[in-house]
Amino acid sequence: MSNIQKHRTTVEIYGHAYVIMGTESPSHVRLVASLVDDKMREIFFKNPNLDENKLAVLTAVNAVNDYLKIKDQLERLQAEIQKEKD
């Protein structure tokens, strides 16, 4: 059996309640949900004719795009640090 404690956290994203289970702290899950909600509202403000499904997909695309940019920056910084060590 696993000793990892799972938490059940209820959050609201774009007017819908979701129960999220995971090992992250409830405060972390609430922060993530809040950022997703903010991004959905930001995208909807710019595109008020989007239905919720398209809005959710565009939010996911934006989040993954941001993730990939940050991942690339991290890899470049790690390569620079490794060069300095060598």
PDB file of N, CA and C in Angstrom:
ATOM      1  N   MET A   1       0.826  -1.198   0.000  1.00  0.00           N
ATOM      2  CA  MET A   1       0.000   0.000   0.000  1.00  0.00           C
ATOM      3  C   MET A   1       0.862   1.250   0.000  1.00  0.00           C
ATOM      4  N   SER A   2       0.307   2.290  -0.555  1.00  0.00           N
ATOM      5  CA  SER A   2       1.037   3.548  -0.676  1.00  0.00           C
ATOM      6  C   SER A   2       0.805   4.412   0.557  1.00  0.00           C
ATOM      7  N   ASN A   3       1.862   5.078   0.991  1.00  0.00           N
ATOM      8  CA  ASN A   3       1.748   5.990   2.128  1.00  0.00           C
ATOM      9  C   ASN A   3       1.452   7.413   1.691  1.00  0.00           C
ATOM     10  N   ILE A   4       1.278   7.615   0.404  1.00  0.00           N
ATOM     11  CA  ILE A   4       1.009   8.949  -0.108  1.00  0.00           C
ATOM     12  C   ILE A   4      -0.428   9.334   0.234  1.00  0.00           C
ATOM     13  N   GLN A   5      -0.566  10.469   0.904  1.00  0.00           N
ATOM     14  CA  GLN A   5      -1.901  10.929   1.301  1.00  0.00           C
ATOM     15  C   GLN A   5      -2.550  11.679   0.145  1.00  0.00           C
ATOM     16  N   LYS A   6      -3.755  11.279  -0.190  1.00  0.00           N
ATOM     17  CA  LYS A   6      -4.504  11.976  -1.233  1.00  0.00           C
ATOM     18  C   LYS A   6      -5.521  12.897  -0.575  1.00  0.00           C
ATOM     19  N   HIS A   7      -5.715  14.027  -1.226  1.00  0.00           N
ATOM     20  CA  HIS A   7      -6.669  15.018  -0.737  1.00  0.00           C
ATOM     21  C   HIS A   7      -7.806  15.137  -1.742  1.00  0.00           C
ATOM     22  N   ARG A   8      -8.985  15.379  -1.225  1.00  0.00           N
ATOM     23  CA  ARG A   8     -10.163  15.639  -2.061  1.00  0.00           C
ATOM     24  C   ARG A   8     -10.510  17.109  -1.858  1.00  0.00           C
ATOM     25  N   THR A   9     -10.440  17.869  -2.953  1.00  0.00           N
ATOM     26  CA  THR A   9     -10.682  19.309  -2.870  1.00  0.00           C
ATOM     27  C   THR A   9     -11.765  19.697  -3.861  1.00  0.00           C
ATOM     28  N   THR A  10     -12.758  20.418  -3.386  1.00  0.00           N
ATOM     29  CA  THR A  10     -13.810  20.919  -4.267  1.00  0.00           C
ATOM     30  C   THR A  10     -13.451  22.336  -4.685  1.00  0.00           C
ATOM     31  N   VAL A  11     -13.475  22.554  -5.992  1.00  0.00           N
ATOM     32  CA  VAL A  11     -13.145  23.873  -6.545  1.00  0.00           C
ATOM     33  C   VAL A  11     -14.243  24.279  -7.509  1.00  0.00           C
ATOM     34  N   GLU A  12     -14.249  25.566  -7.831  1.00  0.00           N
ATOM     35  CA  GLU A  12     -15.187  26.065  -8.833  1.00  0.00           C
ATOM     36  C   GLU A  12     -14.385  26.674  -9.975  1.00  0.00           C
ATOM     37  N   ILE A  13     -14.681  26.216 -11.179  1.00  0.00           N
ATOM     38  CA  ILE A  13     -14.039  26.737 -12.372  1.00  0.00           C
ATOM     39  C   ILE A  13     -15.130  27.111 -13.357  1.00  0.00           C
ATOM     40  N   TYR A  14     -15.160  28.374 -13.694  1.00  0.00           N
ATOM     41  CA  TYR A  14     -16.100  28.903 -14.678  1.00  0.00           C
ATOM     42  C   TYR A  14     -17.551  28.506 -14.352  1.00  0.00           C
ATOM     43  N   GLY A  15     -17.884  28.633 -13.063  1.00  0.00           N
ATOM     44  CA  GLY A  15     -19.255  28.404 -12.624  1.00  0.00           C
ATOM     45  C   GLY A  15     -19.625  26.946 -12.393  1.00  0.00           C
ATOM     46  N   HIS A  16     -18.678  26.041 -12.501  1.00  0.00           N
ATOM     47  CA  HIS A  16     -18.937  24.620 -12.294  1.00  0.00           C
ATOM     48  C   HIS A  16     -18.080  24.102 -11.146  1.00  0.00           C
ATOM     49  N   ALA A  17     -18.680  23.271 -10.301  1.00  0.00           N
ATOM     50  CA  ALA A  17     -17.948  22.672  -9.188  1.00  0.00           C
ATOM     51  C   ALA A  17     -17.282  21.381  -9.659  1.00  0.00           C
ATOM     52  N   TYR A  18     -16.046  21.192  -9.229  1.00  0.00           N
ATOM     53  CA  TYR A  18     -15.282  19.989  -9.549  1.00  0.00           C
ATOM     54  C   TYR A  18     -14.645  19.471  -8.268  1.00  0.00           C
ATOM     55  N   VAL A  19     -14.661  18.158  -8.101  1.00  0.00           N
ATOM     56  CA  VAL A  19     -13.943  17.532  -6.997  1.00  0.00           C
ATOM     57  C   VAL A  19     -12.652  16.982  -7.591  1.00  0.00           C
ATOM     58  N   ILE A  20     -11.537  17.445  -7.058  1.00  0.00           N
ATOM     59  CA  ILE A  20     -10.239  17.040  -7.575  1.00  0.00           C
ATOM     60  C   ILE A  20      -9.516  16.262  -6.480  1.00  0.00           C
ATOM     61  N   MET A  21      -9.084  15.054  -6.838  1.00  0.00           N
ATOM     62  CA  MET A  21      -8.329  14.219  -5.910  1.00  0.00           C
ATOM     63  C   MET A  21      -6.885  14.169  -6.358  1.00  0.00           C
ATOM     64  N   GLY A  22      -5.987  14.303  -5.407  1.00  0.00           N
ATOM     65  CA  GLY A  22      -4.580  14.221  -5.745  1.00  0.00           C
ATOM     66  C   GLY A  22      -3.712  14.382  -4.516  1.00  0.00           C
ATOM     67  N   THR A  23      -2.429  14.315  -4.742  1.00  0.00           N
ATOM     68  CA  THR A  23      -1.477  14.397  -3.640  1.00  0.00           C
ATOM     69  C   THR A  23      -1.075  15.836  -3.317  1.00  0.00           C
ATOM     70  N   GLU A  24      -1.410  16.755  -4.184  1.00  0.00           N
ATOM     71  CA  GLU A  24      -1.092  18.166  -3.923  1.00  0.00           C
ATOM     72  C   GLU A  24      -1.966  18.689  -2.783  1.00  0.00           C
ATOM     73  N   SER A  25      -1.463  19.712  -2.108  1.00  0.00           N
ATOM     74  CA  SER A  25      -2.228  20.292  -1.006  1.00  0.00           C
ATOM     75  C   SER A  25      -3.508  20.939  -1.547  1.00  0.00           C
ATOM     76  N   PRO A  26      -4.552  20.988  -0.717  1.00  0.00           N
ATOM     77  CA  PRO A  26      -5.777  21.661  -1.154  1.00  0.00           C
ATOM     78  C   PRO A  26      -5.543  23.112  -1.572  1.00  0.00           C
ATOM     79  N   SER A  27      -4.636  23.809  -0.891  1.00  0.00           N
ATOM     80  CA  SER A  27      -4.379  25.205  -1.272  1.00  0.00           C
ATOM     81  C   SER A  27      -3.748  25.284  -2.658  1.00  0.00           C
ATOM     82  N   HIS A  28      -2.899  24.327  -2.992  1.00  0.00           N
ATOM     83  CA  HIS A  28      -2.297  24.298  -4.329  1.00  0.00           C
ATOM     84  C   HIS A  28      -3.369  24.017  -5.379  1.00  0.00           C
ATOM     85  N   VAL A  29      -4.238  23.072  -5.116  1.00  0.00           N
ATOM     86  CA  VAL A  29      -5.312  22.735  -6.055  1.00  0.00           C
ATOM     87  C   VAL A  29      -6.233  23.934  -6.256  1.00  0.00           C
ATOM     88  N   ARG A  30      -6.545  24.641  -5.169  1.00  0.00           N
ATOM     89  CA  ARG A  30      -7.387  25.839  -5.294  1.00  0.00           C
ATOM     90  C   ARG A  30      -6.687  26.923  -6.117  1.00  0.00           C
ATOM     91  N   LEU A  31      -5.377  27.070  -5.945  1.00  0.00           N
ATOM     92  CA  LEU A  31      -4.620  28.046  -6.731  1.00  0.00           C
ATOM     93  C   LEU A  31      -4.670  27.685  -8.215  1.00  0.00           C
ATOM     94  N   VAL A  32      -4.427  26.423  -8.534  1.00  0.00           N
ATOM     95  CA  VAL A  32      -4.476  25.982  -9.932  1.00  0.00           C
ATOM     96  C   VAL A  32      -5.862  26.236 -10.516  1.00  0.00           C
ATOM     97  N   ALA A  33      -6.897  25.864  -9.780  1.00  0.00           N
ATOM     98  CA  ALA A  33      -8.262  26.068 -10.258  1.00  0.00           C
ATOM     99  C   ALA A  33      -8.553  27.546 -10.479  1.00  0.00           C
ATOM    100  N   SER A  34      -8.061  28.386  -9.585  1.00  0.00           N
ATOM    101  CA  SER A  34      -8.263  29.826  -9.722  1.00  0.00           C
ATOM    102  C   SER A  34      -7.580  30.358 -10.977  1.00  0.00           C
ATOM    103  N   LEU A  35      -6.375  29.882 -11.257  1.00  0.00           N
ATOM    104  CA  LEU A  35      -5.661  30.317 -12.464  1.00  0.00           C
ATOM    105  C   LEU A  35      -6.371  29.850 -13.726  1.00  0.00           C
ATOM    106  N   VAL A  36      -6.901  28.635 -13.708  1.00  0.00           N
ATOM    107  CA  VAL A  36      -7.660  28.133 -14.858  1.00  0.00           C
ATOM    108  C   VAL A  36      -8.914  28.974 -15.057  1.00  0.00           C
ATOM    109  N   ASP A  37      -9.618  29.252 -13.964  1.00  0.00           N
ATOM    110  CA  ASP A  37     -10.823  30.081 -14.033  1.00  0.00           C
ATOM    111  C   ASP A  37     -10.491  31.465 -14.588  1.00  0.00           C
ATOM    112  N   ASP A  38      -9.413  32.059 -14.093  1.00  0.00           N
ATOM    113  CA  ASP A  38      -9.001  33.384 -14.584  1.00  0.00           C
ATOM    114  C   ASP A  38      -8.699  33.352 -16.079  1.00  0.00           C
ATOM    115  N   LYS A  39      -7.978  32.316 -16.526  1.00  0.00           N
ATOM    116  CA  LYS A  39      -7.610  32.212 -17.947  1.00  0.00           C
ATOM    117  C   LYS A  39      -8.858  32.021 -18.801  1.00  0.00           C
ATOM    118  N   MET A  40      -9.799  31.199 -18.332  1.00  0.00           N
ATOM    119  CA  MET A  40     -11.039  31.008 -19.097  1.00  0.00           C
ATOM    120  C   MET A  40     -11.794  32.326 -19.228  1.00  0.00           C
ATOM    121  N   ARG A  41     -11.873  33.068 -18.151  1.00  0.00           N
ATOM    122  CA  ARG A  41     -12.596  34.348 -18.184  1.00  0.00           C
ATOM    123  C   ARG A  41     -11.876  35.363 -19.076  1.00  0.00           C
ATOM    124  N   GLU A  42     -10.545  35.347 -19.052  1.00  0.00           N
ATOM    125  CA  GLU A  42      -9.765  36.231 -19.919  1.00  0.00           C
ATOM    126  C   GLU A  42     -10.016  35.908 -21.396  1.00  0.00           C
ATOM    127  N   ILE A  43      -9.999  34.637 -21.731  1.00  0.00           N
ATOM    128  CA  ILE A  43     -10.222  34.233 -23.124  1.00  0.00           C
ATOM    129  C   ILE A  43     -11.658  34.538 -23.537  1.00  0.00           C
ATOM    130  N   PHE A  44     -12.614  34.285 -22.641  1.00  0.00           N
ATOM    131  CA  PHE A  44     -14.010  34.563 -22.971  1.00  0.00           C
ATOM    132  C   PHE A  44     -14.235  36.059 -23.184  1.00  0.00           C
ATOM    133  N   PHE A  45     -13.565  36.885 -22.386  1.00  0.00           N
ATOM    134  CA  PHE A  45     -13.701  38.337 -22.525  1.00  0.00           C
ATOM    135  C   PHE A  45     -13.288  38.779 -23.930  1.00  0.00           C
ATOM    136  N   LYS A  46     -12.250  38.138 -24.472  1.00  0.00           N
ATOM    137  CA  LYS A  46     -11.765  38.472 -25.810  1.00  0.00           C
ATOM    138  C   LYS A  46     -12.570  37.797 -26.919  1.00  0.00           C
ATOM    139  N   ASN A  47     -13.266  36.701 -26.576  1.00  0.00           N
ATOM    140  CA  ASN A  47     -14.028  35.914 -27.561  1.00  0.00           C
ATOM    141  C   ASN A  47     -15.383  35.527 -26.970  1.00  0.00           C
ATOM    142  N   PRO A  48     -16.293  36.472 -26.790  1.00  0.00           N
ATOM    143  CA  PRO A  48     -17.544  36.191 -26.075  1.00  0.00           C
ATOM    144  C   PRO A  48     -18.498  35.238 -26.787  1.00  0.00           C
ATOM    145  N   ASN A  49     -18.212  34.884 -28.018  1.00  0.00           N
ATOM    146  CA  ASN A  49     -19.109  33.970 -28.725  1.00  0.00           C
ATOM    147  C   ASN A  49     -18.699  32.504 -28.592  1.00  0.00           C
ATOM    148  N   LEU A  50     -17.633  32.228 -27.863  1.00  0.00           N
ATOM    149  CA  LEU A  50     -17.184  30.844 -27.702  1.00  0.00           C
ATOM    150  C   LEU A  50     -18.123  30.072 -26.787  1.00  0.00           C
ATOM    151  N   ASP A  51     -18.413  28.821 -27.174  1.00  0.00           N
ATOM    152  CA  ASP A  51     -19.151  27.971 -26.244  1.00  0.00           C
ATOM    153  C   ASP A  51     -18.153  27.417 -25.217  1.00  0.00           C
ATOM    154  N   GLU A  52     -18.674  26.821 -24.145  1.00  0.00           N
ATOM    155  CA  GLU A  52     -17.797  26.387 -23.053  1.00  0.00           C
ATOM    156  C   GLU A  52     -16.791  25.325 -23.486  1.00  0.00           C
ATOM    157  N   ASN A  53     -17.166  24.427 -24.377  1.00  0.00           N
ATOM    158  CA  ASN A  53     -16.222  23.398 -24.819  1.00  0.00           C
ATOM    159  C   ASN A  53     -15.039  24.013 -25.556  1.00  0.00           C
ATOM    160  N   LYS A  54     -15.313  24.913 -26.487  1.00  0.00           N
ATOM    161  CA  LYS A  54     -14.229  25.564 -27.221  1.00  0.00           C
ATOM    162  C   LYS A  54     -13.392  26.429 -26.280  1.00  0.00           C
ATOM    163  N   LEU A  55     -14.046  27.075 -25.336  1.00  0.00           N
ATOM    164  CA  LEU A  55     -13.343  27.883 -24.354  1.00  0.00           C
ATOM    165  C   LEU A  55     -12.392  27.021 -23.523  1.00  0.00           C
ATOM    166  N   ALA A  56     -12.861  25.858 -23.116  1.00  0.00           N
ATOM    167  CA  ALA A  56     -12.022  24.949 -22.335  1.00  0.00           C
ATOM    168  C   ALA A  56     -10.825  24.462 -23.152  1.00  0.00           C
ATOM    169  N   VAL A  57     -11.057  24.148 -24.425  1.00  0.00           N
ATOM    170  CA  VAL A  57      -9.956  23.686 -25.277  1.00  0.00           C
ATOM    171  C   VAL A  57      -8.937  24.798 -25.481  1.00  0.00           C
ATOM    172  N   LEU A  58      -9.403  26.009 -25.754  1.00  0.00           N
ATOM    173  CA  LEU A  58      -8.471  27.128 -25.935  1.00  0.00           C
ATOM    174  C   LEU A  58      -7.689  27.418 -24.651  1.00  0.00           C
ATOM    175  N   THR A  59      -8.333  27.258 -23.520  1.00  0.00           N
ATOM    176  CA  THR A  59      -7.643  27.442 -22.245  1.00  0.00           C
ATOM    177  C   THR A  59      -6.557  26.387 -22.081  1.00  0.00           C
ATOM    178  N   ALA A  60      -6.865  25.145 -22.414  1.00  0.00           N
ATOM    179  CA  ALA A  60      -5.869  24.075 -22.339  1.00  0.00           C
ATOM    180  C   ALA A  60      -4.715  24.341 -23.304  1.00  0.00           C
ATOM    181  N   VAL A  61      -5.024  24.774 -24.521  1.00  0.00           N
ATOM    182  CA  VAL A  61      -3.977  25.076 -25.507  1.00  0.00           C
ATOM    183  C   VAL A  61      -3.072  26.186 -24.977  1.00  0.00           C
ATOM    184  N   ASN A  62      -3.658  27.223 -24.399  1.00  0.00           N
ATOM    185  CA  ASN A  62      -2.868  28.322 -23.828  1.00  0.00           C
ATOM    186  C   ASN A  62      -1.981  27.821 -22.688  1.00  0.00           C
ATOM    187  N   ALA A  63      -2.527  26.976 -21.824  1.00  0.00           N
ATOM    188  CA  ALA A  63      -1.761  26.477 -20.684  1.00  0.00           C
ATOM    189  C   ALA A  63      -0.583  25.614 -21.146  1.00  0.00           C
ATOM    190  N   VAL A  64      -0.818  24.746 -22.105  1.00  0.00           N
ATOM    191  CA  VAL A  64       0.263  23.889 -22.600  1.00  0.00           C
ATOM    192  C   VAL A  64       1.308  24.728 -23.335  1.00  0.00           C
ATOM    193  N   ASN A  65       0.873  25.717 -24.078  1.00  0.00           N
ATOM    194  CA  ASN A  65       1.808  26.611 -24.754  1.00  0.00           C
ATOM    195  C   ASN A  65       2.713  27.315 -23.730  1.00  0.00           C
ATOM    196  N   ASP A  66       2.112  27.835 -22.663  1.00  0.00           N
ATOM    197  CA  ASP A  66       2.900  28.489 -21.612  1.00  0.00           C
ATOM    198  C   ASP A  66       3.872  27.492 -20.974  1.00  0.00           C
ATOM    199  N   TYR A  67       3.395  26.286 -20.723  1.00  0.00           N
ATOM    200  CA  TYR A  67       4.241  25.246 -20.132  1.00  0.00           C
ATOM    201  C   TYR A  67       5.443  24.944 -21.021  1.00  0.00           C
ATOM    202  N   LEU A  68       5.216  24.777 -22.305  1.00  0.00           N
ATOM    203  CA  LEU A  68       6.306  24.454 -23.224  1.00  0.00           C
ATOM    204  C   LEU A  68       7.330  25.575 -23.312  1.00  0.00           C
ATOM    205  N   LYS A  69       6.864  26.821 -23.297  1.00  0.00           N
ATOM    206  CA  LYS A  69       7.792  27.960 -23.300  1.00  0.00           C
ATOM    207  C   LYS A  69       8.669  27.954 -22.053  1.00  0.00           C
ATOM    208  N   ILE A  70       8.057  27.735 -20.907  1.00  0.00           N
ATOM    209  CA  ILE A  70       8.801  27.727 -19.645  1.00  0.00           C
ATOM    210  C   ILE A  70       9.750  26.529 -19.596  1.00  0.00           C
ATOM    211  N   LYS A  71       9.300  25.394 -20.078  1.00  0.00           N
ATOM    212  CA  LYS A  71      10.157  24.200 -20.117  1.00  0.00           C
ATOM    213  C   LYS A  71      11.383  24.462 -20.989  1.00  0.00           C
ATOM    214  N   ASP A  72      11.188  25.101 -22.127  1.00  0.00           N
ATOM    215  CA  ASP A  72      12.292  25.420 -23.026  1.00  0.00           C
ATOM    216  C   ASP A  72      13.271  26.376 -22.345  1.00  0.00           C
ATOM    217  N   GLN A  73      12.740  27.398 -21.665  1.00  0.00           N
ATOM    218  CA  GLN A  73      13.603  28.339 -20.945  1.00  0.00           C
ATOM    219  C   GLN A  73      14.414  27.618 -19.870  1.00  0.00           C
ATOM    220  N   LEU A  74      13.785  26.724 -19.143  1.00  0.00           N
ATOM    221  CA  LEU A  74      14.466  25.972 -18.101  1.00  0.00           C
ATOM    222  C   LEU A  74      15.587  25.121 -18.692  1.00  0.00           C
ATOM    223  N   GLU A  75      15.310  24.442 -19.798  1.00  0.00           N
ATOM    224  CA  GLU A  75      16.328  23.606 -20.433  1.00  0.00           C
ATOM    225  C   GLU A  75      17.510  24.442 -20.909  1.00  0.00           C
ATOM    226  N   ARG A  76      17.229  25.627 -21.456  1.00  0.00           N
ATOM    227  CA  ARG A  76      18.323  26.504 -21.897  1.00  0.00           C
ATOM    228  C   ARG A  76      19.161  26.978 -20.709  1.00  0.00           C
ATOM    229  N   LEU A  77      18.502  27.333 -19.613  1.00  0.00           N
ATOM    230  CA  LEU A  77      19.224  27.766 -18.417  1.00  0.00           C
ATOM    231  C   LEU A  77      20.055  26.631 -17.833  1.00  0.00           C
ATOM    232  N   GLN A  78      19.494  25.433 -17.822  1.00  0.00           N
ATOM    233  CA  GLN A  78      20.246  24.285 -17.313  1.00  0.00           C
ATOM    234  C   GLN A  78      21.466  24.004 -18.188  1.00  0.00           C
ATOM    235  N   ALA A  79      21.328  24.155 -19.491  1.00  0.00           N
ATOM    236  CA  ALA A  79      22.460  23.958 -20.405  1.00  0.00           C
ATOM    237  C   ALA A  79      23.534  25.009 -20.151  1.00  0.00           C
ATOM    238  N   GLU A  80      23.126  26.256 -19.912  1.00  0.00           N
ATOM    239  CA  GLU A  80      24.084  27.324 -19.616  1.00  0.00           C
ATOM    240  C   GLU A  80      24.839  27.036 -18.317  1.00  0.00           C
ATOM    241  N   ILE A  81      24.108  26.573 -17.314  1.00  0.00           N
ATOM    242  CA  ILE A  81      24.745  26.250 -16.037  1.00  0.00           C
ATOM    243  C   ILE A  81      25.732  25.096 -16.207  1.00  0.00           C
ATOM    244  N   GLN A  82      25.337  24.099 -16.975  1.00  0.00           N
ATOM    245  CA  GLN A  82      26.224  22.968 -17.211  1.00  0.00           C
ATOM    246  C   GLN A  82      27.483  23.392 -17.940  1.00  0.00           C
ATOM    247  N   LYS A  83      27.348  24.316 -18.918  1.00  0.00           N
ATOM    248  CA  LYS A  83      28.516  24.833 -19.631  1.00  0.00           C
ATOM    249  C   LYS A  83      29.494  25.517 -18.687  1.00  0.00           C
ATOM    250  N   GLU A  84      28.927  26.297 -17.737  1.00  0.00           N
ATOM    251  CA  GLU A  84      29.778  27.007 -16.790  1.00  0.00           C
ATOM    252  C   GLU A  84      30.490  26.046 -15.866  1.00  0.00           C
ATOM    253  N   LYS A  85      29.882  24.918 -15.536  1.00  0.00           N
ATOM    254  CA  LYS A  85      30.501  23.927 -14.666  1.00  0.00           C
ATOM    255  C   LYS A  85      31.632  23.187 -15.382  1.00  0.00           C
ATOM    256  N   ASP A  86      31.497  23.000 -16.695  1.00  0.00           N
ATOM    257  CA  ASP A  86      32.487  22.230 -17.470  1.00  0.00           C
ATOM    258  C   ASP A  86      33.737  22.983 -17.730  1.00  0.00           C
TER     259      ASP A  86
END
